Structures are given as C-alpha cells and as structure tokens.
Amino acid sequence: MLTLTKKEPSFDSYSRKPLANEVRKAMKRYYRQLESNAPIDVYDLVLSEIEPPLLIQTMKYAKNNQSKAAKILGINRTTLRTKLKKYNIGK
C-alpha cells in the first residue's frame, strides 16, 4: 500500500516570501516618494543597492571561501569574483 506523506516546506520556501514582501514595500515607498518625478534605471538602482550586502553577508557565511559562496549564490566563481571587484568587496 502506498502512503503519501506531506512534504515539509524547505527553509528556502519560507525565506523567499519575507524577502519578496520587503522588496515590494521598499519599491512602493520609493515610487510614492518620487511624486511627479519619472523614475529611471530602477533595475540598476535596485541591483546596486541589493548586491553588495548580499555578497558581503554570503562571503561572511562562507568564511570568505569564494567557491562555497558562489555555490550558495548559484553563480560561478568567476562571476562572483567580478561582482566582488565591481563593488570593491574583500580588499
């Protein structure tokens, strides 16, 4: 007899929603504060605000092991090194 068990949600499924909610709230605030000014380059603005702390905290978590940090982030090590250099992180 086949019994189905309910799969427990992973940590990632819990952690994604609060992050999405925080980004949603921050973007609502940002657009509200613009008033009549037209936003430009919002994608680059958001990335430049989010990437550095993401990289810094991931490097700390990985104890500055770039291979481990790249794996955690789901990017290759060369991409990680390029991003670290772009934001002058780790030097």
PDB file of N, CA and C in Angstrom:
ATOM      1  N   MET A   1       0.837  -1.179   0.000  1.00  0.00           N
ATOM      2  CA  MET A   1       0.000   0.000   0.000  1.00  0.00           C
ATOM      3  C   MET A   1       0.883   1.245   0.000  1.00  0.00           C
ATOM      4  N   LEU A   2       0.585   2.176  -0.843  1.00  0.00           N
ATOM      5  CA  LEU A   2       1.364   3.410  -0.962  1.00  0.00           C
ATOM      6  C   LEU A   2       0.760   4.471  -0.059  1.00  0.00           C
ATOM      7  N   THR A   3       1.595   5.027   0.799  1.00  0.00           N
ATOM      8  CA  THR A   3       1.120   6.116   1.656  1.00  0.00           C
ATOM      9  C   THR A   3       1.852   7.379   1.277  1.00  0.00           C
ATOM     10  N   LEU A   4       1.116   8.420   1.160  1.00  0.00           N
ATOM     11  CA  LEU A   4       1.703   9.709   0.818  1.00  0.00           C
ATOM     12  C   LEU A   4       1.885  10.530   2.082  1.00  0.00           C
ATOM     13  N   THR A   5       3.055  11.075   2.211  1.00  0.00           N
ATOM     14  CA  THR A   5       3.306  11.952   3.352  1.00  0.00           C
ATOM     15  C   THR A   5       3.452  13.369   2.826  1.00  0.00           C
ATOM     16  N   LYS A   6       2.973  14.287   3.594  1.00  0.00           N
ATOM     17  CA  LYS A   6       3.068  15.685   3.210  1.00  0.00           C
ATOM     18  C   LYS A   6       4.516  16.140   3.349  1.00  0.00           C
ATOM     19  N   LYS A   7       5.059  16.667   2.282  1.00  0.00           N
ATOM     20  CA  LYS A   7       6.437  17.151   2.295  1.00  0.00           C
ATOM     21  C   LYS A   7       6.507  18.468   3.053  1.00  0.00           C
ATOM     22  N   GLU A   8       7.446  18.547   3.974  1.00  0.00           N
ATOM     23  CA  GLU A   8       7.644  19.783   4.733  1.00  0.00           C
ATOM     24  C   GLU A   8       8.274  20.834   3.828  1.00  0.00           C
ATOM     25  N   PRO A   9       7.831  22.066   3.908  1.00  0.00           N
ATOM     26  CA  PRO A   9       8.452  23.125   3.099  1.00  0.00           C
ATOM     27  C   PRO A   9       9.914  23.314   3.505  1.00  0.00           C
ATOM     28  N   SER A  10      10.742  23.601   2.526  1.00  0.00           N
ATOM     29  CA  SER A  10      12.150  23.836   2.820  1.00  0.00           C
ATOM     30  C   SER A  10      12.330  25.216   3.440  1.00  0.00           C
ATOM     31  N   PHE A  11      13.498  25.434   4.011  1.00  0.00           N
ATOM     32  CA  PHE A  11      13.810  26.752   4.569  1.00  0.00           C
ATOM     33  C   PHE A  11      13.681  27.820   3.495  1.00  0.00           C
ATOM     34  N   ASP A  12      14.135  27.472   2.272  1.00  0.00           N
ATOM     35  CA  ASP A  12      14.087  28.448   1.186  1.00  0.00           C
ATOM     36  C   ASP A  12      12.672  28.907   0.887  1.00  0.00           C
ATOM     37  N   SER A  13      11.698  27.993   0.942  1.00  0.00           N
ATOM     38  CA  SER A  13      10.332  28.407   0.636  1.00  0.00           C
ATOM     39  C   SER A  13       9.804  29.363   1.702  1.00  0.00           C
ATOM     40  N   TYR A  14      10.279  29.235   2.925  1.00  0.00           N
ATOM     41  CA  TYR A  14       9.889  30.180   3.974  1.00  0.00           C
ATOM     42  C   TYR A  14      10.611  31.512   3.794  1.00  0.00           C
ATOM     43  N   SER A  15      11.882  31.455   3.445  1.00  0.00           N
ATOM     44  CA  SER A  15      12.689  32.670   3.416  1.00  0.00           C
ATOM     45  C   SER A  15      12.396  33.555   2.214  1.00  0.00           C
ATOM     46  N   ARG A  16      11.840  33.027   1.157  1.00  0.00           N
ATOM     47  CA  ARG A  16      11.596  33.838  -0.038  1.00  0.00           C
ATOM     48  C   ARG A  16      10.471  34.831   0.154  1.00  0.00           C
ATOM     49  N   LYS A  17       9.418  34.432   0.815  1.00  0.00           N
ATOM     50  CA  LYS A  17       8.265  35.319   0.949  1.00  0.00           C
ATOM     51  C   LYS A  17       8.578  36.583   1.734  1.00  0.00           C
ATOM     52  N   PRO A  18       9.246  36.486   2.879  1.00  0.00           N
ATOM     53  CA  PRO A  18       9.550  37.733   3.594  1.00  0.00           C
ATOM     54  C   PRO A  18      10.437  38.667   2.769  1.00  0.00           C
ATOM     55  N   LEU A  19      11.373  38.134   2.027  1.00  0.00           N
ATOM     56  CA  LEU A  19      12.230  38.972   1.199  1.00  0.00           C
ATOM     57  C   LEU A  19      11.409  39.655   0.110  1.00  0.00           C
ATOM     58  N   ALA A  20      10.546  38.911  -0.536  1.00  0.00           N
ATOM     59  CA  ALA A  20       9.693  39.500  -1.581  1.00  0.00           C
ATOM     60  C   ALA A  20       8.799  40.587  -0.995  1.00  0.00           C
ATOM     61  N   ASN A  21       8.275  40.345   0.186  1.00  0.00           N
ATOM     62  CA  ASN A  21       7.428  41.357   0.827  1.00  0.00           C
ATOM     63  C   ASN A  21       8.208  42.616   1.147  1.00  0.00           C
ATOM     64  N   GLU A  22       9.424  42.468   1.613  1.00  0.00           N
ATOM     65  CA  GLU A  22      10.253  43.639   1.930  1.00  0.00           C
ATOM     66  C   GLU A  22      10.603  44.428   0.677  1.00  0.00           C
ATOM     67  N   VAL A  23      10.901  43.737  -0.402  1.00  0.00           N
ATOM     68  CA  VAL A  23      11.208  44.424  -1.662  1.00  0.00           C
ATOM     69  C   VAL A  23       9.957  45.147  -2.159  1.00  0.00           C
ATOM     70  N   ARG A  24       8.814  44.480  -2.082  1.00  0.00           N
ATOM     71  CA  ARG A  24       7.556  45.102  -2.509  1.00  0.00           C
ATOM     72  C   ARG A  24       7.298  46.388  -1.721  1.00  0.00           C
ATOM     73  N   LYS A  25       7.473  46.326  -0.405  1.00  0.00           N
ATOM     74  CA  LYS A  25       7.251  47.512   0.432  1.00  0.00           C
ATOM     75  C   LYS A  25       8.239  48.627   0.090  1.00  0.00           C
ATOM     76  N   ALA A  26       9.494  48.262  -0.088  1.00  0.00           N
ATOM     77  CA  ALA A  26      10.518  49.266  -0.400  1.00  0.00           C
ATOM     78  C   ALA A  26      10.243  49.928  -1.747  1.00  0.00           C
ATOM     79  N   MET A  27       9.808  49.151  -2.736  1.00  0.00           N
ATOM     80  CA  MET A  27       9.528  49.729  -4.043  1.00  0.00           C
ATOM     81  C   MET A  27       8.288  50.623  -3.995  1.00  0.00           C
ATOM     82  N   LYS A  28       7.294  50.227  -3.218  1.00  0.00           N
ATOM     83  CA  LYS A  28       6.118  51.091  -3.059  1.00  0.00           C
ATOM     84  C   LYS A  28       6.520  52.425  -2.454  1.00  0.00           C
ATOM     85  N   ARG A  29       7.382  52.385  -1.408  1.00  0.00           N
ATOM     86  CA  ARG A  29       7.859  53.624  -0.777  1.00  0.00           C
ATOM     87  C   ARG A  29       8.636  54.465  -1.777  1.00  0.00           C
ATOM     88  N   TYR A  30       9.513  53.812  -2.528  1.00  0.00           N
ATOM     89  CA  TYR A  30      10.343  54.514  -3.497  1.00  0.00           C
ATOM     90  C   TYR A  30       9.473  55.251  -4.522  1.00  0.00           C
ATOM     91  N   TYR A  31       8.519  54.543  -5.106  1.00  0.00           N
ATOM     92  CA  TYR A  31       7.659  55.163  -6.122  1.00  0.00           C
ATOM     93  C   TYR A  31       6.775  56.254  -5.524  1.00  0.00           C
ATOM     94  N   ARG A  32       6.325  56.050  -4.315  1.00  0.00           N
ATOM     95  CA  ARG A  32       5.490  57.060  -3.649  1.00  0.00           C
ATOM     96  C   ARG A  32       6.298  58.339  -3.405  1.00  0.00           C
ATOM     97  N   GLN A  33       7.563  58.197  -3.031  1.00  0.00           N
ATOM     98  CA  GLN A  33       8.402  59.358  -2.731  1.00  0.00           C
ATOM     99  C   GLN A  33       8.803  60.136  -3.984  1.00  0.00           C
ATOM    100  N   LEU A  34       8.699  59.505  -5.135  1.00  0.00           N
ATOM    101  CA  LEU A  34       9.059  60.185  -6.378  1.00  0.00           C
ATOM    102  C   LEU A  34       8.102  61.315  -6.722  1.00  0.00           C
ATOM    103  N   GLU A  35       6.875  61.193  -6.252  1.00  0.00           N
ATOM    104  CA  GLU A  35       5.819  62.149  -6.574  1.00  0.00           C
ATOM    105  C   GLU A  35       5.692  62.257  -8.091  1.00  0.00           C
ATOM    106  N   SER A  36       5.971  63.404  -8.670  1.00  0.00           N
ATOM    107  CA  SER A  36       5.787  63.559 -10.119  1.00  0.00           C
ATOM    108  C   SER A  36       7.069  63.303 -10.913  1.00  0.00           C
ATOM    109  N   ASN A  37       8.157  62.988 -10.244  1.00  0.00           N
ATOM    110  CA  ASN A  37       9.415  62.716 -10.943  1.00  0.00           C
ATOM    111  C   ASN A  37       9.358  61.341 -11.602  1.00  0.00           C
ATOM    112  N   ALA A  38       9.856  61.250 -12.816  1.00  0.00           N
ATOM    113  CA  ALA A  38       9.864  59.983 -13.544  1.00  0.00           C
ATOM    114  C   ALA A  38      11.077  59.155 -13.116  1.00  0.00           C
ATOM    115  N   PRO A  39      10.858  57.897 -12.734  1.00  0.00           N
ATOM    116  CA  PRO A  39      11.992  57.046 -12.355  1.00  0.00           C
ATOM    117  C   PRO A  39      12.793  56.631 -13.584  1.00  0.00           C
ATOM    118  N   ILE A  40      14.102  56.489 -13.405  1.00  0.00           N
ATOM    119  CA  ILE A  40      14.963  55.988 -14.487  1.00  0.00           C
ATOM    120  C   ILE A  40      15.934  54.968 -13.913  1.00  0.00           C
ATOM    121  N   ASP A  41      16.298  54.001 -14.717  1.00  0.00           N
ATOM    122  CA  ASP A  41      17.288  52.979 -14.352  1.00  0.00           C
ATOM    123  C   ASP A  41      16.987  52.297 -13.012  1.00  0.00           C
ATOM    124  N   VAL A  42      15.723  52.000 -12.778  1.00  0.00           N
ATOM    125  CA  VAL A  42      15.328  51.415 -11.497  1.00  0.00           C
ATOM    126  C   VAL A  42      15.974  50.048 -11.291  1.00  0.00           C
ATOM    127  N   TYR A  43      16.054  49.249 -12.345  1.00  0.00           N
ATOM    128  CA  TYR A  43      16.653  47.917 -12.226  1.00  0.00           C
ATOM    129  C   TYR A  43      18.096  48.017 -11.737  1.00  0.00           C
ATOM    130  N   ASP A  44      18.882  48.867 -12.367  1.00  0.00           N
ATOM    131  CA  ASP A  44      20.283  49.045 -11.948  1.00  0.00           C
ATOM    132  C   ASP A  44      20.378  49.615 -10.541  1.00  0.00           C
ATOM    133  N   LEU A  45      19.484  50.538 -10.205  1.00  0.00           N
ATOM    134  CA  LEU A  45      19.453  51.113  -8.861  1.00  0.00           C
ATOM    135  C   LEU A  45      19.222  50.022  -7.814  1.00  0.00           C
ATOM    136  N   VAL A  46      18.231  49.180  -8.054  1.00  0.00           N
ATOM    137  CA  VAL A  46      17.906  48.116  -7.102  1.00  0.00           C
ATOM    138  C   VAL A  46      19.070  47.139  -6.978  1.00  0.00           C
ATOM    139  N   LEU A  47      19.634  46.731  -8.097  1.00  0.00           N
ATOM    140  CA  LEU A  47      20.776  45.803  -8.037  1.00  0.00           C
ATOM    141  C   LEU A  47      21.954  46.406  -7.288  1.00  0.00           C
ATOM    142  N   SER A  48      22.227  47.675  -7.529  1.00  0.00           N
ATOM    143  CA  SER A  48      23.372  48.302  -6.861  1.00  0.00           C
ATOM    144  C   SER A  48      23.146  48.451  -5.358  1.00  0.00           C
ATOM    145  N   GLU A  49      21.893  48.452  -4.934  1.00  0.00           N
ATOM    146  CA  GLU A  49      21.574  48.525  -3.509  1.00  0.00           C
ATOM    147  C   GLU A  49      21.547  47.151  -2.856  1.00  0.00           C
ATOM    148  N   ILE A  50      21.125  46.148  -3.593  1.00  0.00           N
ATOM    149  CA  ILE A  50      20.934  44.813  -3.022  1.00  0.00           C
ATOM    150  C   ILE A  50      22.176  43.932  -3.127  1.00  0.00           C
ATOM    151  N   GLU A  51      22.890  44.007  -4.248  1.00  0.00           N
ATOM    152  CA  GLU A  51      24.032  43.098  -4.450  1.00  0.00           C
ATOM    153  C   GLU A  51      25.133  43.226  -3.404  1.00  0.00           C
ATOM    154  N   PRO A  52      25.601  44.418  -3.073  1.00  0.00           N
ATOM    155  CA  PRO A  52      26.706  44.479  -2.108  1.00  0.00           C
ATOM    156  C   PRO A  52      26.413  43.803  -0.763  1.00  0.00           C
ATOM    157  N   PRO A  53      25.283  44.098  -0.098  1.00  0.00           N
ATOM    158  CA  PRO A  53      25.048  43.402   1.173  1.00  0.00           C
ATOM    159  C   PRO A  53      24.826  41.903   0.988  1.00  0.00           C
ATOM    160  N   LEU A  54      24.238  41.509  -0.128  1.00  0.00           N
ATOM    161  CA  LEU A  54      24.065  40.081  -0.414  1.00  0.00           C
ATOM    162  C   LEU A  54      25.423  39.398  -0.522  1.00  0.00           C
ATOM    163  N   LEU A  55      26.336  40.009  -1.261  1.00  0.00           N
ATOM    164  CA  LEU A  55      27.667  39.443  -1.441  1.00  0.00           C
ATOM    165  C   LEU A  55      28.453  39.444  -0.124  1.00  0.00           C
ATOM    166  N   ILE A  56      28.403  40.533   0.605  1.00  0.00           N
ATOM    167  CA  ILE A  56      29.141  40.644   1.872  1.00  0.00           C
ATOM    168  C   ILE A  56      28.675  39.587   2.856  1.00  0.00           C
ATOM    169  N   GLN A  57      27.375  39.466   3.044  1.00  0.00           N
ATOM    170  CA  GLN A  57      26.859  38.510   4.021  1.00  0.00           C
ATOM    171  C   GLN A  57      27.105  37.068   3.587  1.00  0.00           C
ATOM    172  N   THR A  58      27.011  36.809   2.287  1.00  0.00           N
ATOM    173  CA  THR A  58      27.270  35.453   1.801  1.00  0.00           C
ATOM    174  C   THR A  58      28.740  35.099   1.960  1.00  0.00           C
ATOM    175  N   MET A  59      29.626  36.042   1.693  1.00  0.00           N
ATOM    176  CA  MET A  59      31.059  35.785   1.893  1.00  0.00           C
ATOM    177  C   MET A  59      31.359  35.534   3.368  1.00  0.00           C
ATOM    178  N   LYS A  60      30.725  36.286   4.256  1.00  0.00           N
ATOM    179  CA  LYS A  60      30.919  36.045   5.691  1.00  0.00           C
ATOM    180  C   LYS A  60      30.429  34.650   6.067  1.00  0.00           C
ATOM    181  N   TYR A  61      29.242  34.286   5.570  1.00  0.00           N
ATOM    182  CA  TYR A  61      28.663  32.983   5.867  1.00  0.00           C
ATOM    183  C   TYR A  61      29.571  31.861   5.360  1.00  0.00           C
ATOM    184  N   ALA A  62      30.185  32.086   4.194  1.00  0.00           N
ATOM    185  CA  ALA A  62      31.069  31.089   3.583  1.00  0.00           C
ATOM    186  C   ALA A  62      32.502  31.208   4.095  1.00  0.00           C
ATOM    187  N   LYS A  63      32.711  32.028   5.112  1.00  0.00           N
ATOM    188  CA  LYS A  63      34.052  32.248   5.683  1.00  0.00           C
ATOM    189  C   LYS A  63      35.064  32.635   4.600  1.00  0.00           C
ATOM    190  N   ASN A  64      34.627  33.544   3.719  1.00  0.00           N
ATOM    191  CA  ASN A  64      35.437  34.081   2.615  1.00  0.00           C
ATOM    192  C   ASN A  64      35.893  33.035   1.599  1.00  0.00           C
ATOM    193  N   ASN A  65      35.240  31.890   1.585  1.00  0.00           N
ATOM    194  CA  ASN A  65      35.533  30.860   0.589  1.00  0.00           C
ATOM    195  C   ASN A  65      34.698  31.173  -0.654  1.00  0.00           C
ATOM    196  N   GLN A  66      35.367  31.650  -1.704  1.00  0.00           N
ATOM    197  CA  GLN A  66      34.654  32.084  -2.903  1.00  0.00           C
ATOM    198  C   GLN A  66      33.928  30.943  -3.603  1.00  0.00           C
ATOM    199  N   SER A  67      34.506  29.765  -3.621  1.00  0.00           N
ATOM    200  CA  SER A  67      33.841  28.629  -4.264  1.00  0.00           C
ATOM    201  C   SER A  67      32.545  28.289  -3.535  1.00  0.00           C
ATOM    202  N   LYS A  68      32.612  28.264  -2.219  1.00  0.00           N
ATOM    203  CA  LYS A  68      31.419  27.968  -1.419  1.00  0.00           C
ATOM    204  C   LYS A  68      30.374  29.070  -1.583  1.00  0.00           C
ATOM    205  N   ALA A  69      30.806  30.330  -1.556  1.00  0.00           N
ATOM    206  CA  ALA A  69      29.883  31.456  -1.712  1.00  0.00           C
ATOM    207  C   ALA A  69      29.217  31.422  -3.085  1.00  0.00           C
ATOM    208  N   ALA A  70      29.993  31.130  -4.121  1.00  0.00           N
ATOM    209  CA  ALA A  70      29.437  31.055  -5.476  1.00  0.00           C
ATOM    210  C   ALA A  70      28.378  29.953  -5.559  1.00  0.00           C
ATOM    211  N   LYS A  71      28.659  28.825  -4.933  1.00  0.00           N
ATOM    212  CA  LYS A  71      27.693  27.721  -4.935  1.00  0.00           C
ATOM    213  C   LYS A  71      26.416  28.122  -4.196  1.00  0.00           C
ATOM    214  N   ILE A  72      26.555  28.785  -3.051  1.00  0.00           N
ATOM    215  CA  ILE A  72      25.395  29.248  -2.289  1.00  0.00           C
ATOM    216  C   ILE A  72      24.549  30.199  -3.130  1.00  0.00           C
ATOM    217  N   LEU A  73      25.213  31.108  -3.846  1.00  0.00           N
ATOM    218  CA  LEU A  73      24.516  32.107  -4.656  1.00  0.00           C
ATOM    219  C   LEU A  73      23.986  31.550  -5.978  1.00  0.00           C
ATOM    220  N   GLY A  74      24.505  30.391  -6.381  1.00  0.00           N
ATOM    221  CA  GLY A  74      24.069  29.800  -7.645  1.00  0.00           C
ATOM    222  C   GLY A  74      24.697  30.464  -8.854  1.00  0.00           C
ATOM    223  N   ILE A  75      25.910  30.994  -8.669  1.00  0.00           N
ATOM    224  CA  ILE A  75      26.646  31.605  -9.781  1.00  0.00           C
ATOM    225  C   ILE A  75      28.025  30.966  -9.835  1.00  0.00           C
ATOM    226  N   ASN A  76      28.727  31.146 -10.948  1.00  0.00           N
ATOM    227  CA  ASN A  76      30.069  30.562 -10.984  1.00  0.00           C
ATOM    228  C   ASN A  76      31.065  31.485 -10.289  1.00  0.00           C
ATOM    229  N   ARG A  77      32.204  30.932  -9.956  1.00  0.00           N
ATOM    230  CA  ARG A  77      33.190  31.660  -9.154  1.00  0.00           C
ATOM    231  C   ARG A  77      33.722  32.890  -9.890  1.00  0.00           C
ATOM    232  N   THR A  78      33.867  32.802 -11.195  1.00  0.00           N
ATOM    233  CA  THR A  78      34.352  33.944 -11.969  1.00  0.00           C
ATOM    234  C   THR A  78      33.360  35.107 -11.889  1.00  0.00           C
ATOM    235  N   THR A  79      32.079  34.802 -11.976  1.00  0.00           N
ATOM    236  CA  THR A  79      31.049  35.839 -11.850  1.00  0.00           C
ATOM    237  C   THR A  79      31.100  36.464 -10.463  1.00  0.00           C
ATOM    238  N   LEU A  80      31.258  35.627  -9.444  1.00  0.00           N
ATOM    239  CA  LEU A  80      31.363  36.148  -8.076  1.00  0.00           C
ATOM    240  C   LEU A  80      32.566  37.072  -7.950  1.00  0.00           C
ATOM    241  N   ARG A  81      33.704  36.654  -8.447  1.00  0.00           N
ATOM    242  CA  ARG A  81      34.916  37.477  -8.356  1.00  0.00           C
ATOM    243  C   ARG A  81      34.713  38.821  -9.071  1.00  0.00           C
ATOM    244  N   THR A  82      34.047  38.798 -10.226  1.00  0.00           N
ATOM    245  CA  THR A  82      33.764  40.027 -10.981  1.00  0.00           C
ATOM    246  C   THR A  82      32.887  40.968 -10.158  1.00  0.00           C
ATOM    247  N   LYS A  83      31.864  40.409  -9.512  1.00  0.00           N
ATOM    248  CA  LYS A  83      30.956  41.225  -8.700  1.00  0.00           C
ATOM    249  C   LYS A  83      31.671  41.768  -7.458  1.00  0.00           C
ATOM    250  N   LEU A  84      32.501  40.968  -6.827  1.00  0.00           N
ATOM    251  CA  LEU A  84      33.257  41.429  -5.658  1.00  0.00           C
ATOM    252  C   LEU A  84      34.169  42.592  -6.054  1.00  0.00           C
ATOM    253  N   LYS A  85      34.796  42.466  -7.210  1.00  0.00           N
ATOM    254  CA  LYS A  85      35.676  43.542  -7.681  1.00  0.00           C
ATOM    255  C   LYS A  85      34.869  44.787  -8.029  1.00  0.00           C
ATOM    256  N   LYS A  86      33.729  44.604  -8.679  1.00  0.00           N
ATOM    257  CA  LYS A  86      32.872  45.736  -9.062  1.00  0.00           C
ATOM    258  C   LYS A  86      32.505  46.590  -7.860  1.00  0.00           C
ATOM    259  N   TYR A  87      32.182  45.940  -6.719  1.00  0.00           N
ATOM    260  CA  TYR A  87      31.765  46.659  -5.531  1.00  0.00           C
ATOM    261  C   TYR A  87      32.895  46.857  -4.522  1.00  0.00           C
ATOM    262  N   ASN A  88      34.121  46.488  -4.939  1.00  0.00           N
ATOM    263  CA  ASN A  88      35.292  46.659  -4.069  1.00  0.00           C
ATOM    264  C   ASN A  88      35.093  45.959  -2.717  1.00  0.00           C
ATOM    265  N   ILE A  89      34.658  44.711  -2.772  1.00  0.00           N
ATOM    266  CA  ILE A  89      34.406  43.914  -1.581  1.00  0.00           C
ATOM    267  C   ILE A  89      35.559  42.939  -1.379  1.00  0.00           C
ATOM    268  N   GLY A  90      36.056  42.896  -0.167  1.00  0.00           N
ATOM    269  CA  GLY A  90      37.088  41.917   0.178  1.00  0.00           C
ATOM    270  C   GLY A  90      38.501  42.394  -0.016  1.00  0.00           C
ATOM    271  N   LYS A  91      38.678  43.643  -0.275  1.00  0.00           N
ATOM    272  CA  LYS A  91      40.038  44.157  -0.459  1.00  0.00           C
ATOM    273  C   LYS A  91      40.321  45.234   0.537  1.00  0.00           C
TER     274      LYS A  91
END
